[in-house]
Amino acid sequence: MKVVFLFVALAAFAQQDVLRLEKSADAMGSTYTIALYGTDRVQMEAAVDAAFDEVQRLDDLLSNYQPGSQWSEVNRNAAAKPVKVSPELFDVISACAAYSRESEGAFDITVGPLMKVWGFYKGTGHLPHKPEVAAALAKVGYQHIVLDKAAQTVRFDRAGVEMDPGGIGKGYAVDRMVEVLKKHGYRSALVAGSGSSIYGLGAPPDEARGWQVDIKDPWDSRRVRAEVWLKDSSMSTSGSYEKFFRAEGKTYAHIMDPRTGYPAQGSVSVSVIAPRTIDSEVWAKPYFINGRQWAAKHRPKDFQVFFCEDRMDKPCAWLQ
C-alpha cells in the first residue's frame, strides 16, 4: 500500500497545539485521503492507520480485481450454486438490490458484463457492435440476484451474471473509515475516495461552517461552479468527463444505463450531498441517468443535488 504523510502544526487551540495530519493510500482501485485534526501525533497516526487498514480489509471483501475476494468468489460460483457469504457482504448486496428497486433499475451492480463489452473495465472504452451489447444486456439485471437471508447465500439465476462494485465501493469504504476515526475519538476530519466521494466529519478548528469542497465546472476544471461546506455530511460526484471516448463523432462516457445497455446521455455531472457517503455515491448515478426531473421528484428531503446538463444554454444549478 502506497502511503503519504504530512503533519502541519497549527495555532494553539484549547491550550494545546493542534496538529493537522494528511495521509493518502491506494486501495480498491482508488486513492483514499484523510485530513485529520488532533493534538497527539502518535494517536493520530494510529487512528489514520486503522482507517486505512479498514480500506484494505474491504478490498479483500469487495474487490472484483482480486480473485480471492468474497465478491469475486460470488461472481465465479453463484450461477452454479448458492454461495455463502459474510453477514457484511450479504447486507451490502441486499442494500444494492434495494437501491436498484428504488432507482427503477438505473442503479444495478450486475452491470459488469456491459462495462466489459464497452471496454470500461480496466480500460478507457471502445464502441462495441450492437450484437455484443445485446448479448451482454441479456446477463444484466438485479432481478437475477437471488438472496437467501436465512442461509446468508447469494445465487444467480442465470449464467454470465457478474456484479461490479464500482458504483458503491468508494462510498461504503469512506463511511467505514469515518466510523474508525470516530471510534478513536476524533470528530474533525475530511475523508475522500478518489476525490469524488467525500465525507466531512465535524469541522476544522478555524471554520465552523465545515469543510469547504468545490464543485468544478465540468467543461473547464479551472472554474468553480459551486462551493459546498460539509459538516457531518458527504458529497459524491458522477461526471461524464471522468472516463469517456469518442467514436463516430459521438462521446460515450462510462456511466452506463443498465436498462438500455448504452452509456447515459443528457447529463454532464451530478453532485449529491447526503448524510452518508454510500448514499451520495449511489444516488449520483440514477440522478445522472434518469435526469433532472426524475431526480427532483425522487430525491429525499435531506439530499441536495447539483446538476449540470449537456446543454450550454442551461446553466448548472441546484435542484429546487
Protein backbone atom coordinates (compact mmCIF):
# COMPACT_ATOMS: atom_id res chain seq x y z
CA MET A 1 0.00 0.00 0.00
CA LYS A 2 1.43 3.36 -1.03
CA VAL A 3 1.25 5.88 1.85
CA VAL A 4 1.99 9.61 2.07
CA PHE A 5 2.28 11.52 5.38
CA LEU A 6 2.11 15.24 6.09
CA PHE A 7 1.94 16.88 9.52
CA VAL A 8 1.27 20.59 10.00
CA ALA A 9 1.37 22.33 13.38
CA LEU A 10 -1.43 24.86 13.86
CA ALA A 11 -2.00 27.66 16.33
CA ALA A 12 -2.74 26.90 19.97
CA PHE A 13 -6.31 25.70 20.43
CA ALA A 14 -7.87 24.94 23.82
CA GLN A 15 -4.42 25.46 25.39
CA GLN A 16 -2.89 22.73 23.23
CA ASP A 17 -1.12 22.78 19.89
CA VAL A 18 -3.44 21.46 17.21
CA LEU A 19 -1.91 19.28 14.54
CA ARG A 20 -3.21 18.53 11.07
CA LEU A 21 -2.30 15.13 9.66
CA GLU A 22 -2.76 14.36 5.97
CA LYS A 23 -2.31 10.88 4.60
CA SER A 24 -3.16 9.03 1.41
CA ALA A 25 -3.09 5.40 0.32
CA ASP A 26 -4.11 3.34 -2.70
CA ALA A 27 -6.69 0.57 -2.31
CA MET A 28 -9.76 -0.80 -4.12
CA GLY A 29 -8.55 0.75 -7.35
CA SER A 30 -8.73 4.27 -5.89
CA THR A 31 -6.66 6.72 -3.87
CA TYR A 32 -8.07 7.46 -0.42
CA THR A 33 -7.07 10.53 1.58
CA ILE A 34 -7.57 11.68 5.16
CA ALA A 35 -7.06 15.13 6.66
CA LEU A 36 -7.32 14.87 10.45
CA TYR A 37 -7.06 17.39 13.30
CA GLY A 38 -5.87 16.44 16.78
CA THR A 39 -3.34 17.13 19.49
CA ASP A 40 -1.40 13.88 19.85
CA ARG A 41 0.71 12.91 16.85
CA VAL A 42 1.14 9.26 17.83
CA GLN A 43 -2.57 8.73 18.47
CA MET A 44 -3.48 10.49 15.23
CA GLU A 45 -1.16 8.24 13.25
CA ALA A 46 -2.65 5.18 14.92
CA ALA A 47 -6.21 6.28 14.10
CA VAL A 48 -5.41 7.04 10.47
CA ASP A 49 -3.51 3.77 10.06
CA ALA A 50 -6.52 1.91 11.44
CA ALA A 51 -8.78 3.68 8.93
CA PHE A 52 -6.54 2.60 6.06
CA ASP A 53 -6.39 -0.93 7.45
CA GLU A 54 -10.17 -0.92 7.16
CA VAL A 55 -9.95 0.03 3.47
CA GLN A 56 -7.53 -2.83 2.90
CA ARG A 57 -9.93 -5.22 4.63
CA LEU A 58 -12.74 -4.04 2.36
CA ASP A 59 -10.51 -4.53 -0.67
CA ASP A 60 -10.21 -8.18 0.33
CA LEU A 61 -14.00 -8.34 0.67
CA LEU A 62 -15.41 -6.25 -2.18
CA SER A 63 -12.82 -6.15 -4.95
CA ASN A 64 -13.66 -7.64 -8.33
CA TYR A 65 -9.99 -7.29 -9.28
CA GLN A 66 -8.78 -9.71 -6.58
CA PRO A 67 -9.60 -13.37 -7.38
CA GLY A 68 -9.54 -14.25 -3.67
CA SER A 69 -12.14 -11.70 -2.53
CA GLN A 70 -15.62 -12.80 -1.46
CA TRP A 71 -17.08 -10.63 -4.22
CA SER A 72 -15.03 -12.45 -6.86
CA GLU A 73 -15.99 -15.82 -5.38
CA VAL A 74 -19.67 -14.94 -5.79
CA ASN A 75 -19.11 -13.85 -9.39
CA ARG A 76 -17.33 -17.13 -10.17
CA ASN A 77 -19.68 -19.58 -8.50
CA ALA A 78 -23.14 -18.11 -7.82
CA ALA A 79 -24.57 -19.18 -11.20
CA ALA A 80 -23.78 -22.81 -10.36
CA LYS A 81 -24.82 -22.89 -6.71
CA PRO A 82 -25.70 -20.64 -3.76
CA VAL A 83 -22.58 -19.05 -2.28
CA LYS A 84 -22.50 -18.44 1.47
CA VAL A 85 -21.08 -15.01 2.28
CA SER A 86 -20.30 -13.00 5.39
CA PRO A 87 -23.14 -11.04 7.02
CA GLU A 88 -21.43 -7.81 5.96
CA LEU A 89 -21.28 -8.72 2.28
CA PHE A 90 -24.84 -10.06 2.38
CA ASP A 91 -26.02 -6.73 3.79
CA VAL A 92 -24.10 -4.77 1.12
CA ILE A 93 -25.58 -6.81 -1.72
CA SER A 94 -29.05 -6.57 -0.16
CA ALA A 95 -28.67 -2.78 0.02
CA CYS A 96 -27.65 -2.74 -3.65
CA ALA A 97 -30.81 -4.64 -4.57
CA ALA A 98 -32.87 -2.08 -2.65
CA TYR A 99 -31.12 0.82 -4.41
CA SER A 100 -31.90 -0.85 -7.74
CA ARG A 101 -35.60 -1.15 -6.97
CA GLU A 102 -35.83 2.43 -5.71
CA SER A 103 -33.97 3.82 -8.74
CA GLU A 104 -36.18 1.89 -11.18
CA GLY A 105 -33.16 -0.10 -12.31
CA ALA A 106 -30.89 2.87 -13.09
CA PHE A 107 -28.50 1.62 -10.40
CA ASP A 108 -27.58 -2.02 -10.89
CA ILE A 109 -24.48 -3.85 -9.63
CA THR A 110 -24.93 -6.54 -12.31
CA VAL A 111 -23.73 -4.00 -14.89
CA GLY A 112 -20.37 -5.85 -15.01
CA PRO A 113 -20.87 -7.53 -18.45
CA LEU A 114 -21.75 -4.17 -20.01
CA MET A 115 -18.71 -2.44 -18.52
CA LYS A 116 -16.54 -5.16 -20.06
CA VAL A 117 -18.10 -5.13 -23.51
CA TRP A 118 -17.77 -1.34 -23.64
CA GLY A 119 -14.13 -1.59 -22.55
CA PHE A 120 -14.54 0.38 -19.33
CA TYR A 121 -13.38 -2.49 -17.11
CA LYS A 122 -9.65 -1.77 -16.66
CA GLY A 123 -9.76 0.35 -19.84
CA THR A 124 -10.75 3.66 -21.39
CA GLY A 125 -13.59 2.31 -23.50
CA HIS A 126 -14.40 1.39 -27.09
CA LEU A 127 -17.51 1.16 -29.25
CA PRO A 128 -18.89 -2.41 -29.36
CA HIS A 129 -21.13 -3.90 -32.05
CA LYS A 130 -24.88 -4.00 -31.34
CA PRO A 131 -25.00 -7.83 -31.07
CA GLU A 132 -22.24 -7.63 -28.42
CA VAL A 133 -24.29 -5.12 -26.41
CA ALA A 134 -27.42 -7.28 -26.73
CA ALA A 135 -25.54 -10.36 -25.54
CA ALA A 136 -24.14 -8.50 -22.52
CA LEU A 137 -27.51 -6.95 -21.72
CA ALA A 138 -29.06 -10.41 -21.50
CA LYS A 139 -26.80 -11.06 -18.50
CA VAL A 140 -27.69 -7.81 -16.71
CA GLY A 141 -30.46 -7.27 -14.19
CA TYR A 142 -30.52 -7.10 -10.40
CA GLN A 143 -33.55 -9.42 -10.52
CA HIS A 144 -31.10 -12.24 -11.37
CA ILE A 145 -29.55 -11.98 -7.88
CA VAL A 146 -31.33 -14.39 -5.51
CA LEU A 147 -30.71 -13.68 -1.82
CA ASP A 148 -31.47 -16.13 0.97
CA LYS A 149 -31.39 -14.17 4.22
CA ALA A 150 -31.77 -17.21 6.47
CA ALA A 151 -28.91 -19.09 4.82
CA GLN A 152 -26.87 -15.93 4.07
CA THR A 153 -26.32 -17.07 0.49
CA VAL A 154 -26.20 -15.37 -2.90
CA ARG A 155 -27.20 -17.10 -6.12
CA PHE A 156 -27.53 -16.02 -9.76
CA ASP A 157 -30.48 -17.45 -11.67
CA ARG A 158 -28.60 -17.44 -14.99
CA ALA A 159 -25.06 -17.92 -16.26
CA GLY A 160 -22.93 -14.90 -17.10
CA VAL A 161 -24.30 -12.57 -14.41
CA GLU A 162 -21.48 -10.54 -12.89
CA MET A 163 -21.55 -7.94 -10.14
CA ASP A 164 -19.50 -4.74 -10.31
CA PRO A 165 -18.80 -2.90 -7.02
CA GLY A 166 -17.71 0.28 -8.80
CA GLY A 167 -20.91 2.15 -8.04
CA ILE A 168 -20.86 1.59 -4.29
CA GLY A 169 -17.38 0.60 -3.10
CA LYS A 170 -15.83 4.04 -2.53
CA GLY A 171 -18.83 5.39 -0.64
CA TYR A 172 -19.05 2.36 1.61
CA ALA A 173 -15.29 2.49 2.28
CA VAL A 174 -15.34 6.20 3.14
CA ASP A 175 -18.19 5.68 5.62
CA ARG A 176 -16.32 2.81 7.25
CA MET A 177 -13.15 4.92 7.52
CA VAL A 178 -15.12 7.68 9.22
CA GLU A 179 -16.52 5.19 11.73
CA VAL A 180 -12.99 4.02 12.56
CA LEU A 181 -11.86 7.61 13.19
CA LYS A 182 -14.89 8.19 15.42
CA LYS A 183 -14.10 5.06 17.46
CA HIS A 184 -10.63 6.51 18.05
CA GLY A 185 -12.24 9.66 19.45
CA TYR A 186 -11.83 12.05 16.51
CA ARG A 187 -14.53 14.47 15.40
CA SER A 188 -12.72 16.64 12.85
CA ALA A 189 -11.61 15.03 9.59
CA LEU A 190 -12.08 15.06 5.85
CA VAL A 191 -12.09 11.64 4.19
CA ALA A 192 -12.17 11.18 0.42
CA GLY A 193 -12.14 8.36 -2.12
CA SER A 194 -10.53 9.47 -5.40
CA GLY A 195 -11.79 12.99 -4.73
CA SER A 196 -15.25 12.01 -6.00
CA SER A 197 -16.76 10.63 -2.77
CA ILE A 198 -16.06 12.83 0.25
CA TYR A 199 -17.18 12.99 3.89
CA GLY A 200 -16.66 15.96 6.19
CA LEU A 201 -16.57 14.89 9.83
CA GLY A 202 -17.32 17.84 12.09
CA ALA A 203 -15.47 20.98 11.08
CA PRO A 204 -11.86 22.20 11.00
CA PRO A 205 -10.77 24.30 14.01
CA ASP A 206 -10.75 27.53 12.01
CA GLU A 207 -14.03 27.12 10.09
CA ALA A 208 -17.29 26.50 11.92
CA ARG A 209 -19.26 26.02 8.69
CA GLY A 210 -17.41 22.79 7.94
CA TRP A 211 -15.06 21.58 5.24
CA GLN A 212 -15.06 23.57 2.02
CA VAL A 213 -15.32 21.45 -1.12
CA ASP A 214 -15.59 22.91 -4.62
CA ILE A 215 -17.78 21.60 -7.42
CA LYS A 216 -15.74 22.13 -10.57
CA ASP A 217 -17.09 23.26 -13.91
CA PRO A 218 -17.33 20.05 -16.00
CA TRP A 219 -16.34 21.99 -19.14
CA ASP A 220 -13.47 23.92 -17.52
CA SER A 221 -11.82 22.43 -14.42
CA ARG A 222 -10.20 25.79 -13.64
CA ARG A 223 -13.61 27.24 -12.81
CA VAL A 224 -15.71 26.56 -9.72
CA ARG A 225 -19.45 26.15 -10.20
CA ALA A 226 -20.41 25.91 -6.53
CA GLU A 227 -18.88 25.94 -3.05
CA VAL A 228 -20.07 23.34 -0.56
CA TRP A 229 -19.50 23.16 3.20
CA LEU A 230 -19.56 19.61 4.52
CA LYS A 231 -20.26 19.19 8.24
CA ASP A 232 -21.14 15.63 9.23
CA SER A 233 -22.25 15.09 5.66
CA SER A 234 -20.96 13.72 2.37
CA MET A 235 -20.76 14.71 -1.28
CA SER A 236 -20.25 12.48 -4.31
CA THR A 237 -19.99 13.49 -7.95
CA SER A 238 -20.58 11.47 -11.10
CA GLY A 239 -19.45 13.03 -14.36
CA SER A 240 -19.23 12.03 -17.99
CA TYR A 241 -15.88 13.85 -18.18
CA GLU A 242 -14.20 11.35 -15.81
CA LYS A 243 -13.80 8.48 -18.30
CA PHE A 244 -15.02 8.64 -21.88
CA PHE A 245 -14.10 8.10 -25.52
CA ARG A 246 -15.25 9.46 -28.86
CA ALA A 247 -16.35 7.28 -31.76
CA GLU A 248 -18.18 8.11 -34.97
CA GLY A 249 -18.50 11.75 -33.92
CA LYS A 250 -20.17 10.97 -30.57
CA THR A 251 -18.97 10.95 -26.97
CA TYR A 252 -19.56 7.84 -24.85
CA ALA A 253 -19.00 8.04 -21.08
CA HIS A 254 -18.52 5.27 -18.52
CA ILE A 255 -21.82 5.88 -16.70
CA MET A 256 -23.92 3.06 -18.09
CA ASP A 257 -27.69 2.81 -18.21
CA PRO A 258 -28.10 -0.87 -17.30
CA ARG A 259 -31.60 -0.94 -18.78
CA THR A 260 -30.57 0.02 -22.32
CA GLY A 261 -27.01 -1.28 -22.44
CA TYR A 262 -25.67 2.10 -23.56
CA PRO A 263 -23.94 4.98 -21.75
CA ALA A 264 -26.35 7.54 -20.32
CA GLN A 265 -26.90 10.75 -22.26
CA GLY A 266 -28.10 14.20 -21.30
CA SER A 267 -26.17 14.89 -18.09
CA VAL A 268 -22.57 16.03 -17.74
CA SER A 269 -22.16 15.94 -13.96
CA VAL A 270 -24.29 15.40 -10.88
CA SER A 271 -23.20 16.10 -7.30
CA VAL A 272 -25.21 14.76 -4.37
CA ILE A 273 -24.93 15.86 -0.75
CA ALA A 274 -26.29 13.33 1.73
CA PRO A 275 -25.78 12.22 5.36
CA ARG A 276 -23.95 9.03 4.27
CA THR A 277 -21.32 8.66 1.55
CA ILE A 278 -22.72 5.34 0.36
CA ASP A 279 -25.99 7.14 -0.41
CA SER A 280 -24.41 10.14 -2.11
CA GLU A 281 -22.25 7.88 -4.29
CA VAL A 282 -25.05 5.51 -5.25
CA TRP A 283 -27.69 8.15 -6.00
CA ALA A 284 -25.43 10.36 -8.10
CA LYS A 285 -25.70 7.71 -10.84
CA PRO A 286 -29.52 7.25 -11.05
CA TYR A 287 -29.93 11.04 -10.95
CA PHE A 288 -27.37 11.32 -13.76
CA ILE A 289 -29.05 8.58 -15.79
CA ASN A 290 -32.70 9.44 -15.16
CA GLY A 291 -32.27 13.20 -15.43
CA ARG A 292 -33.17 16.37 -13.58
CA GLN A 293 -36.95 15.95 -13.48
CA TRP A 294 -36.77 12.40 -12.13
CA ALA A 295 -34.22 13.46 -9.52
CA ALA A 296 -36.36 16.38 -8.39
CA LYS A 297 -39.32 14.05 -7.91
CA HIS A 298 -37.48 11.24 -6.13
CA ARG A 299 -34.72 12.79 -4.01
CA PRO A 300 -35.16 12.65 -0.20
CA LYS A 301 -35.66 15.95 1.62
CA ASP A 302 -32.26 15.74 3.31
CA PHE A 303 -30.43 15.39 -0.03
CA GLN A 304 -29.08 18.29 -2.08
CA VAL A 305 -28.42 17.76 -5.78
CA PHE A 306 -26.37 19.93 -8.14
CA PHE A 307 -27.00 19.27 -11.85
CA CYS A 308 -25.01 20.11 -14.96
CA GLU A 309 -26.78 19.01 -18.12
CA ASP A 310 -25.39 18.60 -21.63
CA ARG A 311 -26.83 21.97 -22.62
CA MET A 312 -24.68 25.07 -22.73
CA ASP A 313 -27.83 27.24 -22.72
CA LYS A 314 -28.94 25.78 -19.37
CA PRO A 315 -26.50 26.57 -16.55
CA CYS A 316 -25.57 24.22 -13.74
CA ALA A 317 -27.92 24.64 -10.79
CA TRP A 318 -29.15 23.15 -7.54
CA LEU A 319 -32.41 21.24 -7.68
CA GLN A 320 -35.18 23.22 -6.09
